[in-house]
PDB file of N, CA and C in Angstrom:
ATOM      1  N   MET A   1       0.823  -1.180   0.000  1.00  0.00           N
ATOM      2  CA  MET A   1       0.000   0.000   0.000  1.00  0.00           C
ATOM      3  C   MET A   1       0.872   1.250   0.000  1.00  0.00           C
ATOM      4  N   GLU A   2       1.831   1.348   0.906  1.00  0.00           N
ATOM      5  CA  GLU A   2       2.676   2.529   0.984  1.00  0.00           C
ATOM      6  C   GLU A   2       3.506   2.697  -0.284  1.00  0.00           C
ATOM      7  N   ALA A   3       3.972   1.575  -0.847  1.00  0.00           N
ATOM      8  CA  ALA A   3       4.749   1.634  -2.084  1.00  0.00           C
ATOM      9  C   ALA A   3       3.902   2.202  -3.221  1.00  0.00           C
ATOM     10  N   LEU A   4       2.627   1.858  -3.264  1.00  0.00           N
ATOM     11  CA  LEU A   4       1.740   2.408  -4.295  1.00  0.00           C
ATOM     12  C   LEU A   4       1.596   3.914  -4.144  1.00  0.00           C
ATOM     13  N   GLY A   5       1.491   4.374  -2.923  1.00  0.00           N
ATOM     14  CA  GLY A   5       1.377   5.811  -2.662  1.00  0.00           C
ATOM     15  C   GLY A   5       2.609   6.566  -3.112  1.00  0.00           C
ATOM     16  N   TYR A   6       3.799   6.028  -2.788  1.00  0.00           N
ATOM     17  CA  TYR A   6       5.038   6.680  -3.215  1.00  0.00           C
ATOM     18  C   TYR A   6       5.155   6.681  -4.735  1.00  0.00           C
ATOM     19  N   ARG A   7       4.851   5.545  -5.360  1.00  0.00           N
ATOM     20  CA  ARG A   7       4.952   5.459  -6.815  1.00  0.00           C
ATOM     21  C   ARG A   7       3.940   6.393  -7.475  1.00  0.00           C
ATOM     22  N   CYS A   8       2.772   6.484  -6.890  1.00  0.00           N
ATOM     23  CA  CYS A   8       1.735   7.390  -7.384  1.00  0.00           C
ATOM     24  C   CYS A   8       2.254   8.834  -7.406  1.00  0.00           C
ATOM     25  N   ILE A   9       2.837   9.272  -6.302  1.00  0.00           N
ATOM     26  CA  ILE A   9       3.366  10.638  -6.209  1.00  0.00           C
ATOM     27  C   ILE A   9       4.486  10.848  -7.222  1.00  0.00           C
ATOM     28  N   GLU A  10       5.394   9.875  -7.325  1.00  0.00           N
ATOM     29  CA  GLU A  10       6.500   9.999  -8.274  1.00  0.00           C
ATOM     30  C   GLU A  10       5.993  10.108  -9.703  1.00  0.00           C
ATOM     31  N   ARG A  11       5.029   9.282 -10.061  1.00  0.00           N
ATOM     32  CA  ARG A  11       4.486   9.323 -11.428  1.00  0.00           C
ATOM     33  C   ARG A  11       3.737  10.624 -11.687  1.00  0.00           C
ATOM     34  N   ALA A  12       2.996  11.096 -10.714  1.00  0.00           N
ATOM     35  CA  ALA A  12       2.275  12.364 -10.891  1.00  0.00           C
ATOM     36  C   ALA A  12       3.268  13.512 -11.081  1.00  0.00           C
ATOM     37  N   ALA A  13       4.310  13.534 -10.262  1.00  0.00           N
ATOM     38  CA  ALA A  13       5.319  14.594 -10.369  1.00  0.00           C
ATOM     39  C   ALA A  13       6.037  14.542 -11.714  1.00  0.00           C
ATOM     40  N   ALA A  14       6.245  13.339 -12.249  1.00  0.00           N
ATOM     41  CA  ALA A  14       6.948  13.166 -13.523  1.00  0.00           C
ATOM     42  C   ALA A  14       6.034  13.385 -14.726  1.00  0.00           C
ATOM     43  N   GLY A  15       4.731  13.509 -14.491  1.00  0.00           N
ATOM     44  CA  GLY A  15       3.797  13.746 -15.579  1.00  0.00           C
ATOM     45  C   GLY A  15       3.176  12.496 -16.174  1.00  0.00           C
ATOM     46  N   ASP A  16       3.439  11.339 -15.591  1.00  0.00           N
ATOM     47  CA  ASP A  16       2.832  10.084 -16.047  1.00  0.00           C
ATOM     48  C   ASP A  16       1.469   9.959 -15.353  1.00  0.00           C
ATOM     49  N   LEU A  17       0.546  10.799 -15.748  1.00  0.00           N
ATOM     50  CA  LEU A  17      -0.687  11.003 -14.993  1.00  0.00           C
ATOM     51  C   LEU A  17      -1.650   9.814 -15.007  1.00  0.00           C
ATOM     52  N   PRO A  18      -1.919   9.185 -16.150  1.00  0.00           N
ATOM     53  CA  PRO A  18      -2.841   8.037 -16.104  1.00  0.00           C
ATOM     54  C   PRO A  18      -2.324   6.902 -15.214  1.00  0.00           C
ATOM     55  N   ARG A  19      -1.029   6.615 -15.298  1.00  0.00           N
ATOM     56  CA  ARG A  19      -0.473   5.546 -14.458  1.00  0.00           C
ATOM     57  C   ARG A  19      -0.414   5.968 -12.997  1.00  0.00           C
ATOM     58  N   ALA A  20      -0.203   7.246 -12.749  1.00  0.00           N
ATOM     59  CA  ALA A  20      -0.224   7.747 -11.373  1.00  0.00           C
ATOM     60  C   ALA A  20      -1.601   7.508 -10.760  1.00  0.00           C
ATOM     61  N   ILE A  21      -2.643   7.847 -11.510  1.00  0.00           N
ATOM     62  CA  ILE A  21      -4.002   7.671 -10.997  1.00  0.00           C
ATOM     63  C   ILE A  21      -4.312   6.193 -10.775  1.00  0.00           C
ATOM     64  N   GLU A  22      -3.827   5.327 -11.649  1.00  0.00           N
ATOM     65  CA  GLU A  22      -4.018   3.884 -11.444  1.00  0.00           C
ATOM     66  C   GLU A  22      -3.391   3.443 -10.120  1.00  0.00           C
ATOM     67  N   ASP A  23      -2.153   3.875  -9.867  1.00  0.00           N
ATOM     68  CA  ASP A  23      -1.474   3.515  -8.617  1.00  0.00           C
ATOM     69  C   ASP A  23      -2.211   4.088  -7.409  1.00  0.00           C
ATOM     70  N   CYS A  24      -2.632   5.338  -7.529  1.00  0.00           N
ATOM     71  CA  CYS A  24      -3.349   5.981  -6.418  1.00  0.00           C
ATOM     72  C   CYS A  24      -4.635   5.238  -6.100  1.00  0.00           C
ATOM     73  N   ASN A  25      -5.395   4.919  -7.141  1.00  0.00           N
ATOM     74  CA  ASN A  25      -6.655   4.209  -6.927  1.00  0.00           C
ATOM     75  C   ASN A  25      -6.428   2.838  -6.311  1.00  0.00           C
ATOM     76  N   ALA A  26      -5.369   2.150  -6.754  1.00  0.00           N
ATOM     77  CA  ALA A  26      -5.051   0.839  -6.167  1.00  0.00           C
ATOM     78  C   ALA A  26      -4.700   0.991  -4.691  1.00  0.00           C
ATOM     79  N   GLY A  27      -3.912   2.014  -4.352  1.00  0.00           N
ATOM     80  CA  GLY A  27      -3.559   2.268  -2.955  1.00  0.00           C
ATOM     81  C   GLY A  27      -4.776   2.611  -2.115  1.00  0.00           C
ATOM     82  N   LEU A  28      -5.689   3.387  -2.698  1.00  0.00           N
ATOM     83  CA  LEU A  28      -6.885   3.793  -1.966  1.00  0.00           C
ATOM     84  C   LEU A  28      -7.883   2.649  -1.800  1.00  0.00           C
ATOM     85  N   LYS A  29      -7.848   1.655  -2.683  1.00  0.00           N
ATOM     86  CA  LYS A  29      -8.689   0.468  -2.491  1.00  0.00           C
ATOM     87  C   LYS A  29      -8.227  -0.303  -1.260  1.00  0.00           C
ATOM     88  N   LEU A  30      -6.911  -0.327  -1.036  1.00  0.00           N
ATOM     89  CA  LEU A  30      -6.362  -1.034   0.122  1.00  0.00           C
ATOM     90  C   LEU A  30      -6.553  -0.236   1.410  1.00  0.00           C
ATOM     91  N   SER A  31      -6.440   1.080   1.295  1.00  0.00           N
ATOM     92  CA  SER A  31      -6.576   1.952   2.463  1.00  0.00           C
ATOM     93  C   SER A  31      -7.239   3.258   2.008  1.00  0.00           C
ATOM     94  N   PRO A  32      -8.540   3.403   2.211  1.00  0.00           N
ATOM     95  CA  PRO A  32      -9.291   4.526   1.648  1.00  0.00           C
ATOM     96  C   PRO A  32      -8.809   5.924   2.039  1.00  0.00           C
ATOM     97  N   TYR A  33      -8.065   6.059   3.119  1.00  0.00           N
ATOM     98  CA  TYR A  33      -7.613   7.384   3.542  1.00  0.00           C
ATOM     99  C   TYR A  33      -6.098   7.492   3.533  1.00  0.00           C
ATOM    100  N   ASP A  34      -5.443   6.731   2.639  1.00  0.00           N
ATOM    101  CA  ASP A  34      -3.979   6.786   2.527  1.00  0.00           C
ATOM    102  C   ASP A  34      -3.570   8.169   2.021  1.00  0.00           C
ATOM    103  N   GLY A  35      -2.852   8.904   2.854  1.00  0.00           N
ATOM    104  CA  GLY A  35      -2.481  10.272   2.532  1.00  0.00           C
ATOM    105  C   GLY A  35      -1.628  10.407   1.285  1.00  0.00           C
ATOM    106  N   LYS A  36      -0.673   9.507   1.119  1.00  0.00           N
ATOM    107  CA  LYS A  36       0.203   9.586  -0.058  1.00  0.00           C
ATOM    108  C   LYS A  36      -0.594   9.370  -1.342  1.00  0.00           C
ATOM    109  N   SER A  37      -1.481   8.410  -1.327  1.00  0.00           N
ATOM    110  CA  SER A  37      -2.294   8.156  -2.513  1.00  0.00           C
ATOM    111  C   SER A  37      -3.240   9.318  -2.797  1.00  0.00           C
ATOM    112  N   LEU A  38      -3.827   9.891  -1.753  1.00  0.00           N
ATOM    113  CA  LEU A  38      -4.709  11.042  -1.948  1.00  0.00           C
ATOM    114  C   LEU A  38      -3.939  12.232  -2.502  1.00  0.00           C
ATOM    115  N   ARG A  39      -2.757  12.508  -1.927  1.00  0.00           N
ATOM    116  CA  ARG A  39      -1.953  13.637  -2.406  1.00  0.00           C
ATOM    117  C   ARG A  39      -1.496  13.447  -3.837  1.00  0.00           C
ATOM    118  N   GLY A  40      -1.050  12.232  -4.153  1.00  0.00           N
ATOM    119  CA  GLY A  40      -0.586  11.955  -5.508  1.00  0.00           C
ATOM    120  C   GLY A  40      -1.710  12.071  -6.525  1.00  0.00           C
ATOM    121  N   ARG A  41      -2.867  11.536  -6.180  1.00  0.00           N
ATOM    122  CA  ARG A  41      -4.000  11.615  -7.099  1.00  0.00           C
ATOM    123  C   ARG A  41      -4.470  13.053  -7.254  1.00  0.00           C
ATOM    124  N   ALA A  42      -4.470  13.808  -6.168  1.00  0.00           N
ATOM    125  CA  ALA A  42      -4.848  15.221  -6.248  1.00  0.00           C
ATOM    126  C   ALA A  42      -3.892  15.979  -7.170  1.00  0.00           C
ATOM    127  N   LEU A  43      -2.598  15.705  -7.043  1.00  0.00           N
ATOM    128  CA  LEU A  43      -1.610  16.353  -7.916  1.00  0.00           C
ATOM    129  C   LEU A  43      -1.841  15.969  -9.374  1.00  0.00           C
ATOM    130  N   ALA A  44      -2.101  14.689  -9.631  1.00  0.00           N
ATOM    131  CA  ALA A  44      -2.364  14.236 -10.999  1.00  0.00           C
ATOM    132  C   ALA A  44      -3.610  14.919 -11.555  1.00  0.00           C
ATOM    133  N   TYR A  45      -4.666  14.976 -10.766  1.00  0.00           N
ATOM    134  CA  TYR A  45      -5.885  15.640 -11.211  1.00  0.00           C
ATOM    135  C   TYR A  45      -5.630  17.130 -11.472  1.00  0.00           C
ATOM    136  N   LEU A  46      -4.861  17.763 -10.607  1.00  0.00           N
ATOM    137  CA  LEU A  46      -4.539  19.173 -10.790  1.00  0.00           C
ATOM    138  C   LEU A  46      -3.808  19.388 -12.113  1.00  0.00           C
ATOM    139  N   LYS A  47      -2.825  18.546 -12.392  1.00  0.00           N
ATOM    140  CA  LYS A  47      -2.073  18.667 -13.648  1.00  0.00           C
ATOM    141  C   LYS A  47      -2.943  18.388 -14.868  1.00  0.00           C
ATOM    142  N   MET A  48      -3.968  17.550 -14.694  1.00  0.00           N
ATOM    143  CA  MET A  48      -4.892  17.228 -15.790  1.00  0.00           C
ATOM    144  C   MET A  48      -6.000  18.279 -15.920  1.00  0.00           C
ATOM    145  N   GLN A  49      -5.993  19.271 -15.030  1.00  0.00           N
ATOM    146  CA  GLN A  49      -7.036  20.295 -14.973  1.00  0.00           C
ATOM    147  C   GLN A  49      -8.401  19.716 -14.591  1.00  0.00           C
ATOM    148  N   ALA A  50      -8.418  18.567 -13.933  1.00  0.00           N
ATOM    149  CA  ALA A  50      -9.645  17.998 -13.363  1.00  0.00           C
ATOM    150  C   ALA A  50      -9.779  18.604 -11.964  1.00  0.00           C
ATOM    151  N   LEU A  51     -10.101  19.877 -11.943  1.00  0.00           N
ATOM    152  CA  LEU A  51      -9.974  20.683 -10.735  1.00  0.00           C
ATOM    153  C   LEU A  51     -10.924  20.272  -9.613  1.00  0.00           C
ATOM    154  N   ASP A  52     -12.157  19.933  -9.940  1.00  0.00           N
ATOM    155  CA  ASP A  52     -13.092  19.512  -8.887  1.00  0.00           C
ATOM    156  C   ASP A  52     -12.624  18.221  -8.227  1.00  0.00           C
ATOM    157  N   LEU A  53     -12.077  17.305  -9.021  1.00  0.00           N
ATOM    158  CA  LEU A  53     -11.555  16.049  -8.461  1.00  0.00           C
ATOM    159  C   LEU A  53     -10.327  16.316  -7.593  1.00  0.00           C
ATOM    160  N   ALA A  54      -9.465  17.232  -8.044  1.00  0.00           N
ATOM    161  CA  ALA A  54      -8.286  17.585  -7.251  1.00  0.00           C
ATOM    162  C   ALA A  54      -8.707  18.174  -5.910  1.00  0.00           C
ATOM    163  N   ILE A  55      -9.639  19.101  -5.938  1.00  0.00           N
ATOM    164  CA  ILE A  55     -10.106  19.737  -4.701  1.00  0.00           C
ATOM    165  C   ILE A  55     -10.727  18.702  -3.766  1.00  0.00           C
ATOM    166  N   ALA A  56     -11.492  17.770  -4.303  1.00  0.00           N
ATOM    167  CA  ALA A  56     -12.110  16.730  -3.468  1.00  0.00           C
ATOM    168  C   ALA A  56     -11.044  15.896  -2.763  1.00  0.00           C
ATOM    169  N   ASP A  57      -9.976  15.540  -3.481  1.00  0.00           N
ATOM    170  CA  ASP A  57      -8.908  14.763  -2.837  1.00  0.00           C
ATOM    171  C   ASP A  57      -8.152  15.599  -1.817  1.00  0.00           C
ATOM    172  N   TYR A  58      -7.871  16.859  -2.123  1.00  0.00           N
ATOM    173  CA  TYR A  58      -7.198  17.719  -1.135  1.00  0.00           C
ATOM    174  C   TYR A  58      -8.066  17.895   0.101  1.00  0.00           C
ATOM    175  N   ASP A  59      -9.381  17.934  -0.069  1.00  0.00           N
ATOM    176  CA  ASP A  59     -10.298  18.085   1.070  1.00  0.00           C
ATOM    177  C   ASP A  59     -10.403  16.815   1.911  1.00  0.00           C
ATOM    178  N   ALA A  60     -10.051  15.664   1.357  1.00  0.00           N
ATOM    179  CA  ALA A  60     -10.227  14.391   2.059  1.00  0.00           C
ATOM    180  C   ALA A  60      -9.198  14.169   3.160  1.00  0.00           C
ATOM    181  N   GLU A  61      -8.127  14.939   3.168  1.00  0.00           N
ATOM    182  CA  GLU A  61      -7.070  14.775   4.171  1.00  0.00           C
ATOM    183  C   GLU A  61      -7.129  15.915   5.179  1.00  0.00           C
ATOM    184  N   PRO A  62      -6.528  15.729   6.360  1.00  0.00           N
ATOM    185  CA  PRO A  62      -6.461  16.835   7.322  1.00  0.00           C
ATOM    186  C   PRO A  62      -5.793  18.057   6.698  1.00  0.00           C
ATOM    187  N   LYS A  63      -6.119  19.202   7.193  1.00  0.00           N
ATOM    188  CA  LYS A  63      -5.676  20.460   6.592  1.00  0.00           C
ATOM    189  C   LYS A  63      -4.211  20.767   6.909  1.00  0.00           C
ATOM    190  N   LYS A  64      -3.316  20.244   6.109  1.00  0.00           N
ATOM    191  CA  LYS A  64      -1.889  20.536   6.218  1.00  0.00           C
ATOM    192  C   LYS A  64      -1.568  21.637   5.224  1.00  0.00           C
ATOM    193  N   ALA A  65      -0.553  22.429   5.504  1.00  0.00           N
ATOM    194  CA  ALA A  65      -0.228  23.574   4.642  1.00  0.00           C
ATOM    195  C   ALA A  65       0.029  23.159   3.203  1.00  0.00           C
ATOM    196  N   GLU A  66       0.764  22.056   2.987  1.00  0.00           N
ATOM    197  CA  GLU A  66       1.060  21.670   1.607  1.00  0.00           C
ATOM    198  C   GLU A  66      -0.190  21.213   0.863  1.00  0.00           C
ATOM    199  N   LEU A  67      -1.149  20.658   1.572  1.00  0.00           N
ATOM    200  CA  LEU A  67      -2.402  20.246   0.937  1.00  0.00           C
ATOM    201  C   LEU A  67      -3.276  21.456   0.632  1.00  0.00           C
ATOM    202  N   LEU A  68      -3.295  22.397   1.551  1.00  0.00           N
ATOM    203  CA  LEU A  68      -4.042  23.619   1.301  1.00  0.00           C
ATOM    204  C   LEU A  68      -3.467  24.363   0.102  1.00  0.00           C
ATOM    205  N   TYR A  69      -2.152  24.338  -0.034  1.00  0.00           N
ATOM    206  CA  TYR A  69      -1.508  25.008  -1.161  1.00  0.00           C
ATOM    207  C   TYR A  69      -1.959  24.378  -2.483  1.00  0.00           C
ATOM    208  N   GLY A  70      -1.966  23.055  -2.558  1.00  0.00           N
ATOM    209  CA  GLY A  70      -2.431  22.371  -3.764  1.00  0.00           C
ATOM    210  C   GLY A  70      -3.884  22.694  -4.056  1.00  0.00           C
ATOM    211  N   ARG A  71      -4.720  22.680  -3.010  1.00  0.00           N
ATOM    212  CA  ARG A  71      -6.119  23.030  -3.204  1.00  0.00           C
ATOM    213  C   ARG A  71      -6.245  24.477  -3.665  1.00  0.00           C
ATOM    214  N   GLY A  72      -5.389  25.337  -3.136  1.00  0.00           N
ATOM    215  CA  GLY A  72      -5.399  26.734  -3.556  1.00  0.00           C
ATOM    216  C   GLY A  72      -5.062  26.897  -5.030  1.00  0.00           C
ATOM    217  N   LEU A  73      -4.107  26.114  -5.511  1.00  0.00           N
ATOM    218  CA  LEU A  73      -3.766  26.165  -6.935  1.00  0.00           C
ATOM    219  C   LEU A  73      -4.945  25.724  -7.795  1.00  0.00           C
ATOM    220  N   ALA A  74      -5.650  24.683  -7.355  1.00  0.00           N
ATOM    221  CA  ALA A  74      -6.825  24.217  -8.095  1.00  0.00           C
ATOM    222  C   ALA A  74      -7.924  25.275  -8.066  1.00  0.00           C
ATOM    223  N   ARG A  75      -8.143  25.887  -6.914  1.00  0.00           N
ATOM    224  CA  ARG A  75      -9.162  26.932  -6.821  1.00  0.00           C
ATOM    225  C   ARG A  75      -8.798  28.127  -7.701  1.00  0.00           C
ATOM    226  N   GLN A  76      -7.517  28.476  -7.702  1.00  0.00           N
ATOM    227  CA  GLN A  76      -7.047  29.580  -8.526  1.00  0.00           C
ATOM    228  C   GLN A  76      -7.312  29.297 -10.008  1.00  0.00           C
ATOM    229  N   ALA A  77      -7.042  28.079 -10.439  1.00  0.00           N
ATOM    230  CA  ALA A  77      -7.271  27.699 -11.831  1.00  0.00           C
ATOM    231  C   ALA A  77      -8.752  27.752 -12.185  1.00  0.00           C
ATOM    232  N   LYS A  78      -9.624  27.538 -11.194  1.00  0.00           N
ATOM    233  CA  LYS A  78     -11.071  27.616 -11.417  1.00  0.00           C
ATOM    234  C   LYS A  78     -11.583  29.056 -11.368  1.00  0.00           C
ATOM    235  N   GLY A  79     -10.726  29.995 -10.978  1.00  0.00           N
ATOM    236  CA  GLY A  79     -11.145  31.389 -10.889  1.00  0.00           C
ATOM    237  C   GLY A  79     -11.611  31.809  -9.511  1.00  0.00           C
ATOM    238  N   ASP A  80     -11.483  30.948  -8.513  1.00  0.00           N
ATOM    239  CA  ASP A  80     -11.891  31.262  -7.139  1.00  0.00           C
ATOM    240  C   ASP A  80     -10.715  31.936  -6.431  1.00  0.00           C
ATOM    241  N   THR A  81     -10.512  33.222  -6.688  1.00  0.00           N
ATOM    242  CA  THR A  81      -9.345  33.914  -6.144  1.00  0.00           C
ATOM    243  C   THR A  81      -9.406  34.067  -4.633  1.00  0.00           C
ATOM    244  N   VAL A  82     -10.596  34.262  -4.068  1.00  0.00           N
ATOM    245  CA  VAL A  82     -10.724  34.406  -2.616  1.00  0.00           C
ATOM    246  C   VAL A  82     -10.374  33.093  -1.924  1.00  0.00           C
ATOM    247  N   GLY A  83     -10.966  31.982  -2.381  1.00  0.00           N
ATOM    248  CA  GLY A  83     -10.658  30.676  -1.800  1.00  0.00           C
ATOM    249  C   GLY A  83      -9.202  30.295  -1.999  1.00  0.00           C
ATOM    250  N   ALA A  84      -8.665  30.626  -3.176  1.00  0.00           N
ATOM    251  CA  ALA A  84      -7.261  30.315  -3.462  1.00  0.00           C
ATOM    252  C   ALA A  84      -6.340  31.042  -2.495  1.00  0.00           C
ATOM    253  N   GLU A  85      -6.588  32.299  -2.268  1.00  0.00           N
ATOM    254  CA  GLU A  85      -5.726  33.080  -1.378  1.00  0.00           C
ATOM    255  C   GLU A  85      -5.783  32.557   0.053  1.00  0.00           C
ATOM    256  N   LYS A  86      -6.969  32.147   0.512  1.00  0.00           N
ATOM    257  CA  LYS A  86      -7.087  31.585   1.862  1.00  0.00           C
ATOM    258  C   LYS A  86      -6.243  30.321   2.013  1.00  0.00           C
ATOM    259  N   ASP A  87      -6.183  29.524   0.950  1.00  0.00           N
ATOM    260  CA  ASP A  87      -5.412  28.277   1.008  1.00  0.00           C
ATOM    261  C   ASP A  87      -3.924  28.504   0.824  1.00  0.00           C
ATOM    262  N   ILE A  88      -3.558  29.429  -0.030  1.00  0.00           N
ATOM    263  CA  ILE A  88      -2.145  29.633  -0.372  1.00  0.00           C
ATOM    264  C   ILE A  88      -1.417  30.457   0.689  1.00  0.00           C
ATOM    265  N   GLU A  89      -2.097  31.382   1.333  1.00  0.00           N
ATOM    266  CA  GLU A  89      -1.463  32.291   2.296  1.00  0.00           C
ATOM    267  C   GLU A  89      -0.699  31.575   3.424  1.00  0.00           C
ATOM    268  N   PRO A  90      -1.266  30.525   4.066  1.00  0.00           N
ATOM    269  CA  PRO A  90      -0.490  29.859   5.125  1.00  0.00           C
ATOM    270  C   PRO A  90       0.839  29.287   4.613  1.00  0.00           C
ATOM    271  N   GLN A  91       0.866  28.796   3.398  1.00  0.00           N
ATOM    272  CA  GLN A  91       2.105  28.251   2.848  1.00  0.00           C
ATOM    273  C   GLN A  91       3.111  29.365   2.596  1.00  0.00           C
ATOM    274  N   LYS A  92       2.661  30.530   2.186  1.00  0.00           N
ATOM    275  CA  LYS A  92       3.567  31.664   1.989  1.00  0.00           C
ATOM    276  C   LYS A  92       4.234  32.023   3.314  1.00  0.00           C
ATOM    277  N   ARG A  93       3.438  32.066   4.383  1.00  0.00           N
ATOM    278  CA  ARG A  93       4.001  32.396   5.701  1.00  0.00           C
ATOM    279  C   ARG A  93       4.990  31.330   6.142  1.00  0.00           C
ATOM    280  N   PHE A  94       4.663  30.051   5.890  1.00  0.00           N
ATOM    281  CA  PHE A  94       5.547  28.955   6.260  1.00  0.00           C
ATOM    282  C   PHE A  94       6.878  29.079   5.533  1.00  0.00           C
ATOM    283  N   ARG A  95       6.840  29.366   4.246  1.00  0.00           N
ATOM    284  CA  ARG A  95       8.069  29.477   3.459  1.00  0.00           C
ATOM    285  C   ARG A  95       8.922  30.644   3.929  1.00  0.00           C
ATOM    286  N   LEU A  96       8.295  31.740   4.325  1.00  0.00           N
ATOM    287  CA  LEU A  96       9.066  32.877   4.819  1.00  0.00           C
ATOM    288  C   LEU A  96       9.738  32.560   6.143  1.00  0.00           C
ATOM    289  N   ALA A  97       9.128  31.688   6.955  1.00  0.00           N
ATOM    290  CA  ALA A  97       9.681  31.339   8.259  1.00  0.00           C
ATOM    291  C   ALA A  97      10.705  30.214   8.172  1.00  0.00           C
ATOM    292  N   SER A  98      10.801  29.560   7.020  1.00  0.00           N
ATOM    293  CA  SER A  98      11.706  28.430   6.867  1.00  0.00           C
ATOM    294  C   SER A  98      13.147  28.902   6.715  1.00  0.00           C
ATOM    295  N   PRO A  99      14.105  28.083   7.126  1.00  0.00           N
ATOM    296  CA  PRO A  99      15.500  28.454   6.949  1.00  0.00           C
ATOM    297  C   PRO A  99      15.855  28.504   5.463  1.00  0.00           C
ATOM    298  N   PRO A 100      16.869  29.267   5.082  1.00  0.00           N
ATOM    299  CA  PRO A 100      17.218  29.431   3.679  1.00  0.00           C
ATOM    300  C   PRO A 100      17.993  28.247   3.098  1.00  0.00           C
ATOM    301  N   CYS A 101      17.777  27.066   3.607  1.00  0.00           N
ATOM    302  CA  CYS A 101      18.432  25.887   3.073  1.00  0.00           C
ATOM    303  C   CYS A 101      17.381  24.802   2.879  1.00  0.00           C
ATOM    304  N   SER A 102      17.717  23.827   2.073  1.00  0.00           N
ATOM    305  CA  SER A 102      16.701  22.856   1.692  1.00  0.00           C
ATOM    306  C   SER A 102      16.673  21.619   2.569  1.00  0.00           C
ATOM    307  N   SER A 103      17.676  21.408   3.384  1.00  0.00           N
ATOM    308  CA  SER A 103      17.678  20.224   4.238  1.00  0.00           C
ATOM    309  C   SER A 103      18.509  20.501   5.479  1.00  0.00           C
ATOM    310  N   VAL A 104      18.341  19.634   6.458  1.00  0.00           N
ATOM    311  CA  VAL A 104      19.097  19.794   7.700  1.00  0.00           C
ATOM    312  C   VAL A 104      20.589  19.724   7.425  1.00  0.00           C
ATOM    313  N   THR A 105      21.008  18.794   6.581  1.00  0.00           N
ATOM    314  CA  THR A 105      22.436  18.656   6.326  1.00  0.00           C
ATOM    315  C   THR A 105      22.994  19.870   5.598  1.00  0.00           C
ATOM    316  N   ALA A 106      22.174  20.522   4.756  1.00  0.00           N
ATOM    317  CA  ALA A 106      22.654  21.709   4.057  1.00  0.00           C
ATOM    318  C   ALA A 106      22.810  22.879   5.015  1.00  0.00           C
ATOM    319  N   CYS A 107      22.106  22.860   6.142  1.00  0.00           N
ATOM    320  CA  CYS A 107      22.172  23.958   7.101  1.00  0.00           C
ATOM    321  C   CYS A 107      23.335  23.830   8.078  1.00  0.00           C
ATOM    322  N   ARG A 108      23.869  22.656   8.201  1.00  0.00           N
ATOM    323  CA  ARG A 108      24.941  22.450   9.178  1.00  0.00           C
ATOM    324  C   ARG A 108      26.213  23.157   8.742  1.00  0.00           C
ATOM    325  N   ARG A 109      26.892  23.678   9.720  1.00  0.00           N
ATOM    326  CA  ARG A 109      28.199  24.273   9.448  1.00  0.00           C
ATOM    327  C   ARG A 109      29.218  23.157   9.300  1.00  0.00           C
ATOM    328  N   PRO A 110      30.215  23.369   8.459  1.00  0.00           N
ATOM    329  CA  PRO A 110      31.255  22.343   8.344  1.00  0.00           C
ATOM    330  C   PRO A 110      31.969  22.146   9.676  1.00  0.00           C
ATOM    331  N   GLN A 111      32.236  20.905   9.989  1.00  0.00           N
ATOM    332  CA  GLN A 111      32.950  20.595  11.226  1.00  0.00           C
ATOM    333  C   GLN A 111      34.456  20.741  10.997  1.00  0.00           C
ATOM    334  N   PRO A 112      35.169  21.236  12.001  1.00  0.00           N
ATOM    335  CA  PRO A 112      36.619  21.363  11.835  1.00  0.00           C
ATOM    336  C   PRO A 112      37.254  19.996  11.659  1.00  0.00           C
ATOM    337  N   HIS A 113      38.253  19.961  10.833  1.00  0.00           N
ATOM    338  CA  HIS A 113      38.954  18.706  10.547  1.00  0.00           C
ATOM    339  C   HIS A 113      40.104  18.572  11.545  1.00  0.00           C
ATOM    340  N   HIS A 114      40.115  17.466  12.305  1.00  0.00           N
ATOM    341  CA  HIS A 114      41.171  17.221  13.299  1.00  0.00           C
ATOM    342  C   HIS A 114      42.073  16.111  12.799  1.00  0.00           C
ATOM    343  N   GLU A 115      43.372  16.367  12.828  1.00  0.00           N
ATOM    344  CA  GLU A 115      44.323  15.316  12.404  1.00  0.00           C
ATOM    345  C   GLU A 115      45.079  14.777  13.575  1.00  0.00           C
TER     346      GLU A 115
END
């Protein structure tokens, strides 16, 4: 189940949308509220401009900033600027508060070399 969710997300991100949706649906048959499968399918639907389906999947999971952002993009594409801004704004604040590096290891200072 978890492997299907990861593969679903990878395929959606790579643009292999029909196969992504197949993987997502298979994962959701095994576990109807699998977050990875819901997120991957929502992303695939968003890329396909199936905006109502994308919003439904984003709504099916707890309200996390990254999910609200995806739903905001779908709402924006539908012309719902007020709803889009409500969803996108928390992610903007999160990004401004994040450190200017992409990972914990990138943020670490180099350790002195002892011989």
